[in-house]
Amino acid sequence: MERIERAEEELAHLRRAVDDLSEVVARQAGEIAALARRVGLLIERAAEAEALSGTAIPLADQRPPHY
C-alpha cells in the first residue's frame, strides 16, 4: 500500500511539473510571437530607410567603416 501512495505522490508532483512547464512554454510562445512581429517591423523600416537613402549598395552589403 505504501508503494502505491508513493507512486501516486510522485505522479502528482510530475503532473504539477508538467503543468508548470506548459505554462512556461505558452508564455514563451507569446513572447516569441511578439518579438517576431517587432523584428518584422524593424526589417520593414530598414528596407524603407535603404530605399530612401538612394545608395546603390544595400546597407547589409556595405563594408563597415573600419575597413
N, C-alpha and C. Protein backbone atom coordinates (compact mmCIF):
# COMPACT_ATOMS: atom_id res chain seq x y z
N MET A 1 0.82 -1.20 0.00
CA MET A 1 0.00 0.00 0.00
C MET A 1 0.87 1.27 0.00
N GLU A 2 1.96 1.24 0.74
CA GLU A 2 2.84 2.39 0.82
C GLU A 2 3.46 2.67 -0.55
N ARG A 3 3.75 1.61 -1.31
CA ARG A 3 4.31 1.78 -2.65
C ARG A 3 3.35 2.52 -3.56
N ILE A 4 2.09 2.20 -3.46
CA ILE A 4 1.07 2.85 -4.29
C ILE A 4 0.96 4.33 -3.91
N GLU A 5 0.98 4.61 -2.63
CA GLU A 5 0.90 6.00 -2.17
C GLU A 5 2.11 6.81 -2.66
N ARG A 6 3.30 6.19 -2.60
CA ARG A 6 4.49 6.88 -3.11
C ARG A 6 4.37 7.13 -4.61
N ALA A 7 3.86 6.15 -5.33
CA ALA A 7 3.70 6.31 -6.77
C ALA A 7 2.68 7.40 -7.08
N GLU A 8 1.58 7.44 -6.32
CA GLU A 8 0.58 8.49 -6.53
C GLU A 8 1.15 9.87 -6.21
N GLU A 9 1.95 9.95 -5.16
CA GLU A 9 2.58 11.21 -4.79
C GLU A 9 3.55 11.66 -5.89
N GLU A 10 4.34 10.73 -6.37
CA GLU A 10 5.27 11.03 -7.47
C GLU A 10 4.51 11.49 -8.71
N LEU A 11 3.42 10.83 -9.02
CA LEU A 11 2.60 11.20 -10.17
C LEU A 11 2.04 12.61 -10.00
N ALA A 12 1.60 12.95 -8.80
CA ALA A 12 1.07 14.29 -8.54
C ALA A 12 2.16 15.34 -8.75
N HIS A 13 3.38 15.06 -8.29
CA HIS A 13 4.49 16.00 -8.48
C HIS A 13 4.82 16.15 -9.97
N LEU A 14 4.82 15.04 -10.68
CA LEU A 14 5.12 15.09 -12.11
C LEU A 14 4.04 15.87 -12.88
N ARG A 15 2.79 15.67 -12.51
CA ARG A 15 1.71 16.43 -13.16
C ARG A 15 1.87 17.92 -12.92
N ARG A 16 2.23 18.27 -11.69
CA ARG A 16 2.44 19.69 -11.37
C ARG A 16 3.60 20.26 -12.19
N ALA A 17 4.68 19.48 -12.31
CA ALA A 17 5.83 19.93 -13.10
C ALA A 17 5.44 20.11 -14.57
N VAL A 18 4.65 19.19 -15.10
CA VAL A 18 4.20 19.29 -16.49
C VAL A 18 3.32 20.53 -16.66
N ASP A 19 2.44 20.77 -15.74
CA ASP A 19 1.58 21.96 -15.81
C ASP A 19 2.41 23.25 -15.75
N ASP A 20 3.40 23.28 -14.86
CA ASP A 20 4.27 24.45 -14.75
C ASP A 20 5.04 24.68 -16.05
N LEU A 21 5.59 23.60 -16.61
CA LEU A 21 6.34 23.72 -17.85
C LEU A 21 5.44 24.13 -19.02
N SER A 22 4.22 23.66 -19.00
CA SER A 22 3.27 24.02 -20.06
C SER A 22 2.98 25.52 -20.01
N GLU A 23 2.84 26.06 -18.82
CA GLU A 23 2.62 27.50 -18.68
C GLU A 23 3.83 28.30 -19.18
N VAL A 24 5.03 27.81 -18.88
CA VAL A 24 6.24 28.48 -19.33
C VAL A 24 6.31 28.48 -20.86
N VAL A 25 6.03 27.34 -21.46
CA VAL A 25 6.08 27.22 -22.92
C VAL A 25 5.04 28.14 -23.56
N ALA A 26 3.85 28.19 -22.99
CA ALA A 26 2.80 29.06 -23.54
C ALA A 26 3.21 30.52 -23.45
N ARG A 27 3.79 30.92 -22.32
CA ARG A 27 4.24 32.31 -22.16
C ARG A 27 5.35 32.63 -23.15
N GLN A 28 6.30 31.71 -23.30
CA GLN A 28 7.41 31.93 -24.22
C GLN A 28 6.93 31.98 -25.67
N ALA A 29 5.93 31.20 -26.01
CA ALA A 29 5.38 31.24 -27.37
C ALA A 29 4.80 32.62 -27.66
N GLY A 30 4.11 33.20 -26.68
CA GLY A 30 3.58 34.54 -26.85
C GLY A 30 4.68 35.57 -26.99
N GLU A 31 5.73 35.44 -26.19
CA GLU A 31 6.86 36.37 -26.27
C GLU A 31 7.57 36.24 -27.62
N ILE A 32 7.74 35.03 -28.10
CA ILE A 32 8.39 34.81 -29.40
C ILE A 32 7.56 35.42 -30.51
N ALA A 33 6.25 35.25 -30.45
CA ALA A 33 5.38 35.83 -31.48
C ALA A 33 5.48 37.36 -31.47
N ALA A 34 5.50 37.95 -30.29
CA ALA A 34 5.62 39.41 -30.19
C ALA A 34 6.96 39.88 -30.73
N LEU A 35 8.02 39.17 -30.39
CA LEU A 35 9.35 39.54 -30.89
C LEU A 35 9.44 39.37 -32.40
N ALA A 36 8.82 38.33 -32.94
CA ALA A 36 8.83 38.12 -34.39
C ALA A 36 8.12 39.28 -35.10
N ARG A 37 7.01 39.75 -34.52
CA ARG A 37 6.32 40.90 -35.11
C ARG A 37 7.20 42.14 -35.08
N ARG A 38 7.89 42.34 -33.96
CA ARG A 38 8.76 43.52 -33.85
C ARG A 38 9.93 43.44 -34.84
N VAL A 39 10.52 42.26 -34.99
CA VAL A 39 11.61 42.09 -35.94
C VAL A 39 11.10 42.36 -37.36
N GLY A 40 9.91 41.87 -37.67
CA GLY A 40 9.33 42.14 -38.98
C GLY A 40 9.17 43.62 -39.25
N LEU A 41 8.69 44.35 -38.24
CA LEU A 41 8.55 45.80 -38.40
C LEU A 41 9.90 46.48 -38.57
N LEU A 42 10.89 46.03 -37.83
CA LEU A 42 12.22 46.62 -37.96
C LEU A 42 12.82 46.33 -39.33
N ILE A 43 12.59 45.16 -39.85
CA ILE A 43 13.08 44.83 -41.20
C ILE A 43 12.41 45.72 -42.23
N GLU A 44 11.11 45.93 -42.07
CA GLU A 44 10.40 46.82 -42.99
C GLU A 44 10.96 48.24 -42.91
N ARG A 45 11.18 48.73 -41.70
CA ARG A 45 11.73 50.08 -41.54
C ARG A 45 13.12 50.19 -42.16
N ALA A 46 13.95 49.18 -41.97
CA ALA A 46 15.29 49.21 -42.53
C ALA A 46 15.23 49.21 -44.05
N ALA A 47 14.32 48.42 -44.62
CA ALA A 47 14.17 48.38 -46.07
C ALA A 47 13.71 49.73 -46.60
N GLU A 48 12.78 50.36 -45.89
CA GLU A 48 12.31 51.68 -46.30
C GLU A 48 13.44 52.71 -46.21
N ALA A 49 14.23 52.64 -45.16
CA ALA A 49 15.35 53.57 -44.99
C ALA A 49 16.37 53.38 -46.10
N GLU A 50 16.64 52.13 -46.47
CA GLU A 50 17.57 51.87 -47.56
C GLU A 50 17.04 52.43 -48.87
N ALA A 51 15.74 52.26 -49.10
CA ALA A 51 15.13 52.74 -50.34
C ALA A 51 15.18 54.26 -50.40
N LEU A 52 14.99 54.92 -49.27
CA LEU A 52 15.00 56.38 -49.24
C LEU A 52 16.41 56.96 -49.30
N SER A 53 17.40 56.19 -48.86
CA SER A 53 18.76 56.73 -48.81
C SER A 53 19.37 56.85 -50.20
N GLY A 54 18.87 56.09 -51.14
CA GLY A 54 19.35 56.19 -52.51
C GLY A 54 20.70 55.55 -52.75
N THR A 55 21.23 54.81 -51.79
CA THR A 55 22.51 54.15 -52.01
C THR A 55 22.31 52.96 -52.92
N ALA A 56 23.30 52.72 -53.78
CA ALA A 56 23.19 51.61 -54.72
C ALA A 56 23.43 50.28 -54.04
N ILE A 57 24.23 50.28 -52.99
CA ILE A 57 24.55 49.03 -52.29
C ILE A 57 23.67 48.96 -51.03
N PRO A 58 22.94 47.84 -50.86
CA PRO A 58 22.11 47.70 -49.65
C PRO A 58 22.99 47.80 -48.39
N LEU A 59 22.43 48.35 -47.35
CA LEU A 59 23.15 48.57 -46.10
C LEU A 59 23.80 47.29 -45.59
N ALA A 60 23.12 46.17 -45.72
CA ALA A 60 23.65 44.91 -45.21
C ALA A 60 24.90 44.48 -45.98
N ASP A 61 25.05 44.93 -47.24
CA ASP A 61 26.19 44.54 -48.07
C ASP A 61 27.33 45.56 -48.04
N GLN A 62 27.13 46.69 -47.40
CA GLN A 62 28.17 47.71 -47.35
C GLN A 62 29.27 47.31 -46.37
N ARG A 63 30.48 47.71 -46.68
CA ARG A 63 31.61 47.42 -45.78
C ARG A 63 31.51 48.33 -44.57
N PRO A 64 31.84 47.82 -43.40
CA PRO A 64 31.88 48.67 -42.21
C PRO A 64 32.94 49.75 -42.38
N PRO A 65 32.82 50.86 -41.67
CA PRO A 65 33.75 51.98 -41.84
C PRO A 65 35.19 51.65 -41.44
N HIS A 66 35.44 50.63 -40.68
CA HIS A 66 36.81 50.35 -40.25
C HIS A 66 37.61 49.56 -41.28
N TYR A 67 37.05 49.24 -42.45
CA TYR A 67 37.80 48.54 -43.50
C TYR A 67 38.61 49.49 -44.31
